[in-house]
């Protein structure tokens, strides 16, 4: 929750799967019913939706410390973006999102589901960047700038990736698609890490009859054939769409989700999508059920080593003596 429009009421800002719009549920006063208003799509100062691709993950923060709220956004493709607010005050005038650059390179990963979180992890008074990824990794990018524009150092790994092939629902730690928040969970004055996960598990295996095995094989065969046909149709339609819109092919990826909104509404695409859903339902009936689940994990900051604590106490005693 954040007061995005600076009206004194907390608002809810969230991403979405497809096409990746950023949605705002504005806080309402009691005379207007309280709670949250219906969602609206957040647009930039050019009037266009602030899209960075599907499965968007936004956070509002004052990235450049100029007094207004910017947006840091991740997406399903492992990329992180920054939409700067040019208002310099309480209003929103967000520029189109641009790739976030760290150490001279765009922040983009081979793995998926980049989920940024801006918070003061090392408690030095300056907001840092934490990043959750599909593998379960959590990275910490320290902000080395004491004022003005955030300057991020090379990342440090707070949580390692989940080993490939491991059933994440049985691990004594968080699983895939890490989503992070920083909070003093146990009120000891130190920042702790809260991590959400995706940890699916397979249900009991099914014993199939010969007829069911044949039906499953046929559903799988048809799924491949229909999927290939749909891919050919979509590829040809995308090329035509780019030409109609006057968009160069090199800029196509940035407009792909906009194209999909139109393409999926065509009768040809709807018919193939409906058939794929029917085939998927048939396979779910014959395959072991997948149980989608996830937990919220809390990683408490470890107590400081006694030697370190002792050095700190001696330093405090020295300061007291000087002050006396």
C-alpha atoms as a PDB file:
ATOM      1  CA  UNK A   1       0.000   0.000   0.000  1.00  0.00           C
ATOM      2  CA  UNK A   2       1.239   3.481  -0.854  1.00  0.00           C
ATOM      3  CA  UNK A   3      -0.323   6.912  -1.118  1.00  0.00           C
ATOM      4  CA  UNK A   4       0.272   7.126  -4.856  1.00  0.00           C
ATOM      5  CA  UNK A   5      -1.846  10.226  -5.493  1.00  0.00           C
ATOM      6  CA  UNK A   6      -0.730  11.948  -2.242  1.00  0.00           C
ATOM      7  CA  UNK A   7      -4.295  12.553  -1.046  1.00  0.00           C
ATOM      8  CA  UNK A   8      -3.605  11.180   2.445  1.00  0.00           C
ATOM      9  CA  UNK A   9      -5.258   7.803   1.735  1.00  0.00           C
ATOM     10  CA  UNK A  10      -3.398   4.535   1.065  1.00  0.00           C
ATOM     11  CA  UNK A  11      -3.777   3.098  -2.432  1.00  0.00           C
ATOM     12  CA  UNK A  12      -3.107  -0.418  -3.683  1.00  0.00           C
ATOM     13  CA  UNK A  13      -0.788  -0.699  -6.693  1.00  0.00           C
ATOM     14  CA  UNK A  14      -0.443  -4.083  -8.382  1.00  0.00           C
ATOM     15  CA  UNK A  15       0.676  -5.624 -11.646  1.00  0.00           C
ATOM     16  CA  UNK A  16      -1.230  -8.076 -13.814  1.00  0.00           C
ATOM     17  CA  UNK A  17      -0.482 -11.129 -15.904  1.00  0.00           C
ATOM     18  CA  UNK A  18      -1.524 -10.135 -19.410  1.00  0.00           C
ATOM     19  CA  UNK A  19      -0.962  -7.707 -20.991  1.00  0.00           C
ATOM     20  CA  UNK A  20       0.849  -6.558 -17.861  1.00  0.00           C
ATOM     21  CA  UNK A  21      -1.054  -3.380 -17.032  1.00  0.00           C
ATOM     22  CA  UNK A  22      -0.349  -1.660 -13.715  1.00  0.00           C
ATOM     23  CA  UNK A  23      -3.598  -1.368 -11.762  1.00  0.00           C
ATOM     24  CA  UNK A  24      -4.393   1.172  -9.054  1.00  0.00           C
ATOM     25  CA  UNK A  25      -7.102   0.679  -6.430  1.00  0.00           C
ATOM     26  CA  UNK A  26      -7.416   4.194  -5.001  1.00  0.00           C
ATOM     27  CA  UNK A  27      -8.213   4.673  -1.320  1.00  0.00           C
ATOM     28  CA  UNK A  28     -11.616   6.216  -0.650  1.00  0.00           C
ATOM     29  CA  UNK A  29     -12.799   8.481   2.155  1.00  0.00           C
ATOM     30  CA  UNK A  30     -15.550   7.278   4.475  1.00  0.00           C
ATOM     31  CA  UNK A  31     -18.114   9.558   2.834  1.00  0.00           C
ATOM     32  CA  UNK A  32     -17.379   7.721  -0.416  1.00  0.00           C
ATOM     33  CA  UNK A  33     -17.748   4.276   1.141  1.00  0.00           C
ATOM     34  CA  UNK A  34     -14.210   3.800   2.466  1.00  0.00           C
ATOM     35  CA  UNK A  35     -11.993   0.923   1.407  1.00  0.00           C
ATOM     36  CA  UNK A  36     -10.690   0.871  -2.151  1.00  0.00           C
ATOM     37  CA  UNK A  37     -12.199   2.114  -5.398  1.00  0.00           C
ATOM     38  CA  UNK A  38     -12.511  -0.209  -8.433  1.00  0.00           C
ATOM     39  CA  UNK A  39      -9.209  -0.587 -10.285  1.00  0.00           C
ATOM     40  CA  UNK A  40      -8.020   1.693 -13.030  1.00  0.00           C
ATOM     41  CA  UNK A  41      -5.164   1.157 -15.451  1.00  0.00           C
ATOM     42  CA  UNK A  42      -2.249   3.436 -14.621  1.00  0.00           C
ATOM     43  CA  UNK A  43      -1.148   5.494 -17.608  1.00  0.00           C
ATOM     44  CA  UNK A  44       1.935   7.585 -18.199  1.00  0.00           C
ATOM     45  CA  UNK A  45       2.040  11.264 -19.012  1.00  0.00           C
ATOM     46  CA  UNK A  46       1.601  10.358 -22.697  1.00  0.00           C
ATOM     47  CA  UNK A  47      -1.734   8.703 -21.898  1.00  0.00           C
ATOM     48  CA  UNK A  48      -0.483   5.207 -22.727  1.00  0.00           C
ATOM     49  CA  UNK A  49      -0.691   2.325 -20.236  1.00  0.00           C
ATOM     50  CA  UNK A  50       2.566   1.672 -18.360  1.00  0.00           C
ATOM     51  CA  UNK A  51       3.263  -1.794 -19.751  1.00  0.00           C
ATOM     52  CA  UNK A  52       6.548  -3.678 -19.443  1.00  0.00           C
ATOM     53  CA  UNK A  53       5.268  -7.107 -20.493  1.00  0.00           C
ATOM     54  CA  UNK A  54       3.187  -9.802 -18.874  1.00  0.00           C
ATOM     55  CA  UNK A  55       3.275 -10.667 -15.173  1.00  0.00           C
ATOM     56  CA  UNK A  56       4.257  -7.111 -14.246  1.00  0.00           C
ATOM     57  CA  UNK A  57       5.435  -6.451 -10.688  1.00  0.00           C
ATOM     58  CA  UNK A  58       5.512  -2.735  -9.742  1.00  0.00           C
ATOM     59  CA  UNK A  59       6.640  -0.776  -6.710  1.00  0.00           C
ATOM     60  CA  UNK A  60       6.263   2.942  -6.139  1.00  0.00           C
ATOM     61  CA  UNK A  61       9.274   4.680  -4.597  1.00  0.00           C
ATOM     62  CA  UNK A  62      11.224   7.922  -4.872  1.00  0.00           C
ATOM     63  CA  UNK A  63      14.049   6.391  -6.908  1.00  0.00           C
ATOM     64  CA  UNK A  64      15.893   9.620  -7.705  1.00  0.00           C
ATOM     65  CA  UNK A  65      14.997  11.321  -4.411  1.00  0.00           C
ATOM     66  CA  UNK A  66      13.473  14.383  -6.020  1.00  0.00           C
ATOM     67  CA  UNK A  67      10.296  14.385  -3.932  1.00  0.00           C
ATOM     68  CA  UNK A  68       7.912  12.459  -6.191  1.00  0.00           C
ATOM     69  CA  UNK A  69       7.052   8.789  -6.618  1.00  0.00           C
ATOM     70  CA  UNK A  70       8.594   6.794  -9.472  1.00  0.00           C
ATOM     71  CA  UNK A  71       7.812   3.191 -10.434  1.00  0.00           C
ATOM     72  CA  UNK A  72      10.236   0.264 -10.507  1.00  0.00           C
ATOM     73  CA  UNK A  73       8.743  -2.663 -12.440  1.00  0.00           C
ATOM     74  CA  UNK A  74       9.706  -6.265 -13.167  1.00  0.00           C
ATOM     75  CA  UNK A  75       8.171  -8.685 -15.650  1.00  0.00           C
ATOM     76  CA  UNK A  76       7.861 -12.374 -16.475  1.00  0.00           C
ATOM     77  CA  UNK A  77      10.792 -12.199 -18.887  1.00  0.00           C
ATOM     78  CA  UNK A  78      13.322 -11.407 -16.163  1.00  0.00           C
ATOM     79  CA  UNK A  79      13.713  -7.689 -16.919  1.00  0.00           C
ATOM     80  CA  UNK A  80      13.481  -4.679 -14.592  1.00  0.00           C
ATOM     81  CA  UNK A  81      12.352  -1.203 -15.648  1.00  0.00           C
ATOM     82  CA  UNK A  82      12.103   2.313 -14.242  1.00  0.00           C
ATOM     83  CA  UNK A  83       9.292   4.776 -14.995  1.00  0.00           C
ATOM     84  CA  UNK A  84      10.406   8.193 -13.772  1.00  0.00           C
ATOM     85  CA  UNK A  85       7.959  10.732 -12.393  1.00  0.00           C
ATOM     86  CA  UNK A  86       8.728  14.144 -13.801  1.00  0.00           C
ATOM     87  CA  UNK A  87       6.268  16.119 -11.688  1.00  0.00           C
ATOM     88  CA  UNK A  88       8.697  16.968  -8.899  1.00  0.00           C
ATOM     89  CA  UNK A  89       5.815  16.975  -6.438  1.00  0.00           C
ATOM     90  CA  UNK A  90       2.595  15.255  -5.445  1.00  0.00           C
ATOM     91  CA  UNK A  91       1.184  14.599  -8.910  1.00  0.00           C
ATOM     92  CA  UNK A  92       1.989  11.766 -11.308  1.00  0.00           C
ATOM     93  CA  UNK A  93       3.721  12.462 -14.617  1.00  0.00           C
ATOM     94  CA  UNK A  94       5.321   9.094 -15.351  1.00  0.00           C
ATOM     95  CA  UNK A  95       7.562   8.687 -18.380  1.00  0.00           C
ATOM     96  CA  UNK A  96       7.399   5.456 -20.409  1.00  0.00           C
ATOM     97  CA  UNK A  97       9.295   2.666 -18.622  1.00  0.00           C
ATOM     98  CA  UNK A  98      12.933   2.230 -19.592  1.00  0.00           C
ATOM     99  CA  UNK A  99      15.281  -0.648 -18.708  1.00  0.00           C
ATOM    100  CA  UNK A 100      16.933  -0.164 -15.324  1.00  0.00           C
ATOM    101  CA  UNK A 101      20.712   0.092 -15.733  1.00  0.00           C
ATOM    102  CA  UNK A 102      22.992  -1.298 -13.030  1.00  0.00           C
ATOM    103  CA  UNK A 103      26.792  -1.209 -13.305  1.00  0.00           C
ATOM    104  CA  UNK A 104      26.474  -0.034 -16.925  1.00  0.00           C
ATOM    105  CA  UNK A 105      24.200  -2.888 -18.089  1.00  0.00           C
ATOM    106  CA  UNK A 106      20.455  -3.336 -18.323  1.00  0.00           C
ATOM    107  CA  UNK A 107      19.046  -5.416 -15.471  1.00  0.00           C
ATOM    108  CA  UNK A 108      17.867  -8.502 -17.376  1.00  0.00           C
ATOM    109  CA  UNK A 109      18.115 -12.172 -16.397  1.00  0.00           C
ATOM    110  CA  UNK A 110      18.001 -15.453 -18.279  1.00  0.00           C
ATOM    111  CA  UNK A 111      15.512 -16.698 -15.693  1.00  0.00           C
ATOM    112  CA  UNK A 112      11.980 -15.348 -15.374  1.00  0.00           C
ATOM    113  CA  UNK A 113       9.661 -13.495 -13.001  1.00  0.00           C
ATOM    114  CA  UNK A 114      11.761 -10.549 -11.853  1.00  0.00           C
ATOM    115  CA  UNK A 115      10.098  -9.093  -8.749  1.00  0.00           C
ATOM    116  CA  UNK A 116      11.798  -5.899  -7.464  1.00  0.00           C
ATOM    117  CA  UNK A 117      11.391  -4.499  -3.954  1.00  0.00           C
ATOM    118  CA  UNK A 118      12.922  -1.189  -2.881  1.00  0.00           C
ATOM    119  CA  UNK A 119      13.796  -0.950   0.824  1.00  0.00           C
ATOM    120  CA  UNK A 120      16.677  -0.046   3.150  1.00  0.00           C
ATOM    121  CA  UNK A 121      18.036  -3.565   3.683  1.00  0.00           C
ATOM    122  CA  UNK A 122      21.386  -2.617   5.261  1.00  0.00           C
ATOM    123  CA  UNK A 123      19.774   0.116   7.376  1.00  0.00           C
ATOM    124  CA  UNK A 124      22.144   2.882   6.349  1.00  0.00           C
ATOM    125  CA  UNK A 125      19.322   5.321   5.618  1.00  0.00           C
ATOM    126  CA  UNK A 126      19.322   4.783   1.828  1.00  0.00           C
ATOM    127  CA  UNK A 127      16.843   2.597  -0.076  1.00  0.00           C
ATOM    128  CA  UNK A 128      18.377  -0.455  -1.764  1.00  0.00           C
ATOM    129  CA  UNK A 129      17.000  -2.853  -4.375  1.00  0.00           C
ATOM    130  CA  UNK A 130      16.099  -6.440  -3.561  1.00  0.00           C
ATOM    131  CA  UNK A 131      15.098  -8.746  -6.377  1.00  0.00           C
ATOM    132  CA  UNK A 132      13.276 -12.071  -6.335  1.00  0.00           C
ATOM    133  CA  UNK A 133      13.538 -14.430  -9.315  1.00  0.00           C
ATOM    134  CA  UNK A 134      11.846 -17.552 -10.651  1.00  0.00           C
ATOM    135  CA  UNK A 135      14.557 -19.902  -9.354  1.00  0.00           C
ATOM    136  CA  UNK A 136      13.900 -18.754  -5.783  1.00  0.00           C
ATOM    137  CA  UNK A 137      17.020 -16.573  -5.747  1.00  0.00           C
ATOM    138  CA  UNK A 138      16.920 -13.276  -3.873  1.00  0.00           C
ATOM    139  CA  UNK A 139      19.539 -10.658  -4.750  1.00  0.00           C
ATOM    140  CA  UNK A 140      20.516  -7.536  -2.809  1.00  0.00           C
ATOM    141  CA  UNK A 141      21.762  -4.464  -4.696  1.00  0.00           C
ATOM    142  CA  UNK A 142      23.158  -1.949  -2.201  1.00  0.00           C
ATOM    143  CA  UNK A 143      22.541   1.727  -2.882  1.00  0.00           C
ATOM    144  CA  UNK A 144      25.944   3.401  -2.678  1.00  0.00           C
ATOM    145  CA  UNK A 145      24.579   6.922  -3.118  1.00  0.00           C
ATOM    146  CA  UNK A 146      23.993   9.072  -0.028  1.00  0.00           C
ATOM    147  CA  UNK A 147      21.766  11.536  -1.925  1.00  0.00           C
ATOM    148  CA  UNK A 148      20.170  12.096  -5.307  1.00  0.00           C
ATOM    149  CA  UNK A 149      20.001   9.374  -7.936  1.00  0.00           C
ATOM    150  CA  UNK A 150      20.189   5.799  -6.654  1.00  0.00           C
ATOM    151  CA  UNK A 151      23.484   4.101  -7.577  1.00  0.00           C
ATOM    152  CA  UNK A 152      23.458   0.331  -7.175  1.00  0.00           C
ATOM    153  CA  UNK A 153      26.473  -1.833  -6.446  1.00  0.00           C
ATOM    154  CA  UNK A 154      27.006  -5.339  -7.815  1.00  0.00           C
ATOM    155  CA  UNK A 155      24.503  -7.806  -6.321  1.00  0.00           C
ATOM    156  CA  UNK A 156      24.971 -10.032  -3.313  1.00  0.00           C
ATOM    157  CA  UNK A 157      22.970 -13.226  -3.034  1.00  0.00           C
ATOM    158  CA  UNK A 158      20.702 -13.419   0.010  1.00  0.00           C
ATOM    159  CA  UNK A 159      19.004 -16.659  -1.042  1.00  0.00           C
ATOM    160  CA  UNK A 160      20.430 -19.185  -3.498  1.00  0.00           C
ATOM    161  CA  UNK A 161      18.432 -20.801  -6.290  1.00  0.00           C
ATOM    162  CA  UNK A 162      16.397 -23.895  -5.527  1.00  0.00           C
ATOM    163  CA  UNK A 163      18.268 -26.941  -6.939  1.00  0.00           C
ATOM    164  CA  UNK A 164      16.800 -28.053 -10.258  1.00  0.00           C
ATOM    165  CA  UNK A 165      14.477 -31.016 -10.099  1.00  0.00           C
ATOM    166  CA  UNK A 166      13.841 -30.684  -6.364  1.00  0.00           C
ATOM    167  CA  UNK A 167      10.207 -30.828  -5.203  1.00  0.00           C
ATOM    168  CA  UNK A 168      10.016 -27.342  -3.740  1.00  0.00           C
ATOM    169  CA  UNK A 169       6.999 -28.104  -1.587  1.00  0.00           C
ATOM    170  CA  UNK A 170       9.151 -30.387   0.584  1.00  0.00           C
ATOM    171  CA  UNK A 171      12.098 -28.016   1.154  1.00  0.00           C
ATOM    172  CA  UNK A 172      12.810 -26.388   4.534  1.00  0.00           C
ATOM    173  CA  UNK A 173      13.026 -23.043   2.720  1.00  0.00           C
ATOM    174  CA  UNK A 174      11.077 -20.930   0.243  1.00  0.00           C
ATOM    175  CA  UNK A 175      10.534 -22.289  -3.259  1.00  0.00           C
ATOM    176  CA  UNK A 176      10.179 -20.790  -6.722  1.00  0.00           C
ATOM    177  CA  UNK A 177       9.141 -17.306  -7.952  1.00  0.00           C
ATOM    178  CA  UNK A 178      10.453 -15.432  -4.928  1.00  0.00           C
ATOM    179  CA  UNK A 179       8.478 -12.327  -3.982  1.00  0.00           C
ATOM    180  CA  UNK A 180      10.167 -10.304  -1.265  1.00  0.00           C
ATOM    181  CA  UNK A 181       9.444  -7.642   1.323  1.00  0.00           C
ATOM    182  CA  UNK A 182      11.609  -6.119   4.052  1.00  0.00           C
ATOM    183  CA  UNK A 183      10.129  -5.672   7.526  1.00  0.00           C
ATOM    184  CA  UNK A 184      11.277  -5.784  11.143  1.00  0.00           C
ATOM    185  CA  UNK A 185       9.293  -8.971  11.781  1.00  0.00           C
ATOM    186  CA  UNK A 186      10.336  -9.613  15.390  1.00  0.00           C
ATOM    187  CA  UNK A 187      10.652  -5.954  16.424  1.00  0.00           C
ATOM    188  CA  UNK A 188      14.357  -6.213  17.306  1.00  0.00           C
ATOM    189  CA  UNK A 189      15.315  -3.133  15.309  1.00  0.00           C
ATOM    190  CA  UNK A 190      16.805  -5.145  12.443  1.00  0.00           C
ATOM    191  CA  UNK A 191      15.430  -5.689   8.941  1.00  0.00           C
ATOM    192  CA  UNK A 192      14.148  -9.194   8.207  1.00  0.00           C
ATOM    193  CA  UNK A 193      13.184 -10.801   4.914  1.00  0.00           C
ATOM    194  CA  UNK A 194       9.642 -11.980   4.089  1.00  0.00           C
ATOM    195  CA  UNK A 195       9.432 -14.194   0.986  1.00  0.00           C
ATOM    196  CA  UNK A 196       6.410 -15.489  -0.892  1.00  0.00           C
ATOM    197  CA  UNK A 197       6.822 -18.536  -3.116  1.00  0.00           C
ATOM    198  CA  UNK A 198       5.265 -20.800  -5.711  1.00  0.00           C
ATOM    199  CA  UNK A 199       5.696 -24.451  -4.687  1.00  0.00           C
ATOM    200  CA  UNK A 200       3.415 -26.753  -6.717  1.00  0.00           C
ATOM    201  CA  UNK A 201       3.196 -30.454  -5.974  1.00  0.00           C
ATOM    202  CA  UNK A 202       1.954 -33.409  -7.998  1.00  0.00           C
ATOM    203  CA  UNK A 203      -0.970 -35.351  -6.631  1.00  0.00           C
ATOM    204  CA  UNK A 204      -1.233 -39.123  -6.469  1.00  0.00           C
ATOM    205  CA  UNK A 205      -0.254 -40.853  -9.757  1.00  0.00           C
ATOM    206  CA  UNK A 206      -3.109 -42.393 -11.710  1.00  0.00           C
ATOM    207  CA  UNK A 207      -3.263 -45.957 -12.999  1.00  0.00           C
ATOM    208  CA  UNK A 208      -4.624 -45.747 -16.536  1.00  0.00           C
ATOM    209  CA  UNK A 209      -6.371 -48.378 -18.570  1.00  0.00           C
ATOM    210  CA  UNK A 210      -5.196 -49.059 -22.123  1.00  0.00           C
ATOM    211  CA  UNK A 211      -8.043 -46.927 -23.456  1.00  0.00           C
ATOM    212  CA  UNK A 212      -7.099 -44.040 -21.153  1.00  0.00           C
ATOM    213  CA  UNK A 213      -3.421 -44.282 -22.123  1.00  0.00           C
ATOM    214  CA  UNK A 214      -4.438 -44.125 -25.792  1.00  0.00           C
ATOM    215  CA  UNK A 215      -6.692 -41.129 -25.107  1.00  0.00           C
ATOM    216  CA  UNK A 216      -3.882 -39.337 -23.268  1.00  0.00           C
ATOM    217  CA  UNK A 217      -1.418 -39.963 -26.102  1.00  0.00           C
ATOM    218  CA  UNK A 218      -3.935 -38.682 -28.651  1.00  0.00           C
ATOM    219  CA  UNK A 219      -4.660 -35.547 -26.613  1.00  0.00           C
ATOM    220  CA  UNK A 220      -0.928 -34.868 -26.391  1.00  0.00           C
ATOM    221  CA  UNK A 221      -0.485 -35.399 -30.142  1.00  0.00           C
ATOM    222  CA  UNK A 222      -3.356 -33.056 -30.970  1.00  0.00           C
ATOM    223  CA  UNK A 223      -2.057 -30.438 -28.528  1.00  0.00           C
ATOM    224  CA  UNK A 224       1.261 -30.315 -30.382  1.00  0.00           C
ATOM    225  CA  UNK A 225      -0.466 -30.107 -33.780  1.00  0.00           C
ATOM    226  CA  UNK A 226      -2.942 -27.395 -32.748  1.00  0.00           C
ATOM    227  CA  UNK A 227      -0.201 -25.466 -30.939  1.00  0.00           C
ATOM    228  CA  UNK A 228       1.968 -25.474 -34.057  1.00  0.00           C
ATOM    229  CA  UNK A 229      -0.939 -24.285 -36.197  1.00  0.00           C
ATOM    230  CA  UNK A 230      -1.701 -21.510 -33.741  1.00  0.00           C
ATOM    231  CA  UNK A 231       1.966 -20.478 -33.697  1.00  0.00           C
ATOM    232  CA  UNK A 232       2.043 -20.214 -37.489  1.00  0.00           C
ATOM    233  CA  UNK A 233      -1.173 -18.177 -37.480  1.00  0.00           C
ATOM    234  CA  UNK A 234       0.094 -15.832 -34.759  1.00  0.00           C
ATOM    235  CA  UNK A 235       3.489 -15.292 -36.414  1.00  0.00           C
ATOM    236  CA  UNK A 236       1.930 -14.362 -39.762  1.00  0.00           C
ATOM    237  CA  UNK A 237      -0.633 -12.098 -38.086  1.00  0.00           C
ATOM    238  CA  UNK A 238       2.071 -10.326 -36.067  1.00  0.00           C
ATOM    239  CA  UNK A 239       4.020  -9.483 -39.206  1.00  0.00           C
ATOM    240  CA  UNK A 240       0.902  -8.040 -40.846  1.00  0.00           C
ATOM    241  CA  UNK A 241       0.031  -6.102 -37.682  1.00  0.00           C
ATOM    242  CA  UNK A 242       3.474  -4.481 -37.526  1.00  0.00           C
ATOM    243  CA  UNK A 243       3.236  -3.406 -41.154  1.00  0.00           C
ATOM    244  CA  UNK A 244      -0.265  -1.994 -40.630  1.00  0.00           C
ATOM    245  CA  UNK A 245       0.865  -0.021 -37.588  1.00  0.00           C
ATOM    246  CA  UNK A 246       4.051   1.181 -39.259  1.00  0.00           C
ATOM    247  CA  UNK A 247       6.220  -0.392 -36.549  1.00  0.00           C
ATOM    248  CA  UNK A 248       9.712  -1.585 -37.442  1.00  0.00           C
ATOM    249  CA  UNK A 249      10.289  -5.269 -36.824  1.00  0.00           C
ATOM    250  CA  UNK A 250      13.137  -4.482 -34.381  1.00  0.00           C
ATOM    251  CA  UNK A 251      10.617  -2.639 -32.187  1.00  0.00           C
ATOM    252  CA  UNK A 252       8.111  -5.490 -32.411  1.00  0.00           C
ATOM    253  CA  UNK A 253       8.813  -7.080 -28.991  1.00  0.00           C
ATOM    254  CA  UNK A 254       7.882  -3.853 -27.211  1.00  0.00           C
ATOM    255  CA  UNK A 255       4.433  -3.962 -28.861  1.00  0.00           C
ATOM    256  CA  UNK A 256       3.799  -7.708 -28.721  1.00  0.00           C
ATOM    257  CA  UNK A 257       1.309  -7.629 -25.846  1.00  0.00           C
ATOM    258  CA  UNK A 258      -0.705  -4.905 -27.623  1.00  0.00           C
ATOM    259  CA  UNK A 259      -0.836  -7.131 -30.692  1.00  0.00           C
ATOM    260  CA  UNK A 260      -1.991 -10.123 -28.646  1.00  0.00           C
ATOM    261  CA  UNK A 261      -4.955  -8.191 -27.275  1.00  0.00           C
ATOM    262  CA  UNK A 262      -6.224  -7.735 -30.824  1.00  0.00           C
ATOM    263  CA  UNK A 263      -5.132 -11.112 -32.180  1.00  0.00           C
ATOM    264  CA  UNK A 264      -6.817 -13.191 -29.473  1.00  0.00           C
ATOM    265  CA  UNK A 265     -10.139 -11.540 -30.265  1.00  0.00           C
ATOM    266  CA  UNK A 266     -10.123 -12.834 -33.869  1.00  0.00           C
ATOM    267  CA  UNK A 267     -12.397 -15.805 -34.684  1.00  0.00           C
ATOM    268  CA  UNK A 268      -9.444 -17.908 -35.903  1.00  0.00           C
ATOM    269  CA  UNK A 269      -7.428 -17.410 -32.709  1.00  0.00           C
ATOM    270  CA  UNK A 270     -10.467 -17.951 -30.463  1.00  0.00           C
ATOM    271  CA  UNK A 271     -11.274 -21.266 -32.163  1.00  0.00           C
ATOM    272  CA  UNK A 272      -7.720 -22.584 -31.719  1.00  0.00           C
ATOM    273  CA  UNK A 273      -7.498 -21.331 -28.127  1.00  0.00           C
ATOM    274  CA  UNK A 274     -10.801 -23.034 -27.284  1.00  0.00           C
ATOM    275  CA  UNK A 275      -9.526 -26.291 -28.762  1.00  0.00           C
ATOM    276  CA  UNK A 276      -6.276 -26.058 -26.770  1.00  0.00           C
ATOM    277  CA  UNK A 277      -8.273 -25.542 -23.574  1.00  0.00           C
ATOM    278  CA  UNK A 278     -10.373 -28.634 -24.334  1.00  0.00           C
ATOM    279  CA  UNK A 279      -7.243 -30.719 -24.883  1.00  0.00           C
ATOM    280  CA  UNK A 280      -5.656 -29.371 -21.688  1.00  0.00           C
ATOM    281  CA  UNK A 281      -8.771 -30.320 -19.717  1.00  0.00           C
ATOM    282  CA  UNK A 282      -8.648 -33.849 -21.162  1.00  0.00           C
ATOM    283  CA  UNK A 283      -5.005 -34.233 -20.095  1.00  0.00           C
ATOM    284  CA  UNK A 284      -5.721 -32.926 -16.599  1.00  0.00           C
ATOM    285  CA  UNK A 285      -8.329 -35.658 -16.170  1.00  0.00           C
ATOM    286  CA  UNK A 286      -5.785 -38.338 -17.072  1.00  0.00           C
ATOM    287  CA  UNK A 287      -2.609 -36.962 -15.489  1.00  0.00           C
ATOM    288  CA  UNK A 288      -1.841 -36.632 -11.770  1.00  0.00           C
ATOM    289  CA  UNK A 289      -3.403 -33.486 -10.378  1.00  0.00           C
ATOM    290  CA  UNK A 290      -1.036 -30.561  -9.865  1.00  0.00           C
ATOM    291  CA  UNK A 291      -1.616 -28.907  -6.515  1.00  0.00           C
ATOM    292  CA  UNK A 292      -0.797 -25.213  -6.800  1.00  0.00           C
ATOM    293  CA  UNK A 293       0.319 -23.897  -3.456  1.00  0.00           C
ATOM    294  CA  UNK A 294       2.741 -21.569  -1.803  1.00  0.00           C
ATOM    295  CA  UNK A 295       3.720 -20.357   1.639  1.00  0.00           C
ATOM    296  CA  UNK A 296       5.022 -17.131   3.113  1.00  0.00           C
ATOM    297  CA  UNK A 297       8.452 -17.551   4.725  1.00  0.00           C
ATOM    298  CA  UNK A 298      10.153 -15.275   7.241  1.00  0.00           C
ATOM    299  CA  UNK A 299      13.959 -15.129   7.373  1.00  0.00           C
ATOM    300  CA  UNK A 300      15.015 -13.408  10.589  1.00  0.00           C
ATOM    301  CA  UNK A 301      18.235 -11.419  10.530  1.00  0.00           C
ATOM    302  CA  UNK A 302      20.845 -13.427  12.426  1.00  0.00           C
ATOM    303  CA  UNK A 303      22.090 -11.936  15.714  1.00  0.00           C
ATOM    304  CA  UNK A 304      25.337 -10.065  15.400  1.00  0.00           C
ATOM    305  CA  UNK A 305      28.462 -11.999  16.427  1.00  0.00           C
ATOM    306  CA  UNK A 306      29.483 -11.306  20.019  1.00  0.00           C
ATOM    307  CA  UNK A 307      32.832  -9.903  18.921  1.00  0.00           C
ATOM    308  CA  UNK A 308      31.117  -7.440  16.619  1.00  0.00           C
ATOM    309  CA  UNK A 309      28.649  -6.484  19.318  1.00  0.00           C
ATOM    310  CA  UNK A 310      31.528  -6.027  21.762  1.00  0.00           C
ATOM    311  CA  UNK A 311      33.391  -3.737  19.384  1.00  0.00           C
ATOM    312  CA  UNK A 312      30.229  -1.693  18.986  1.00  0.00           C
ATOM    313  CA  UNK A 313      29.747  -1.428  22.760  1.00  0.00           C
ATOM    314  CA  UNK A 314      33.384  -0.322  23.206  1.00  0.00           C
ATOM    315  CA  UNK A 315      32.895   2.303  20.506  1.00  0.00           C
ATOM    316  CA  UNK A 316      29.746   3.534  22.268  1.00  0.00           C
ATOM    317  CA  UNK A 317      31.610   3.684  25.638  1.00  0.00           C
ATOM    318  CA  UNK A 318      34.380   5.714  23.997  1.00  0.00           C
ATOM    319  CA  UNK A 319      31.846   8.157  22.566  1.00  0.00           C
ATOM    320  CA  UNK A 320      30.260   8.517  26.018  1.00  0.00           C
ATOM    321  CA  UNK A 321      33.665   9.234  27.592  1.00  0.00           C
ATOM    322  CA  UNK A 322      34.388  11.859  24.972  1.00  0.00           C
ATOM    323  CA  UNK A 323      31.009  13.436  25.525  1.00  0.00           C
ATOM    324  CA  UNK A 324      31.554  13.428  29.349  1.00  0.00           C
END
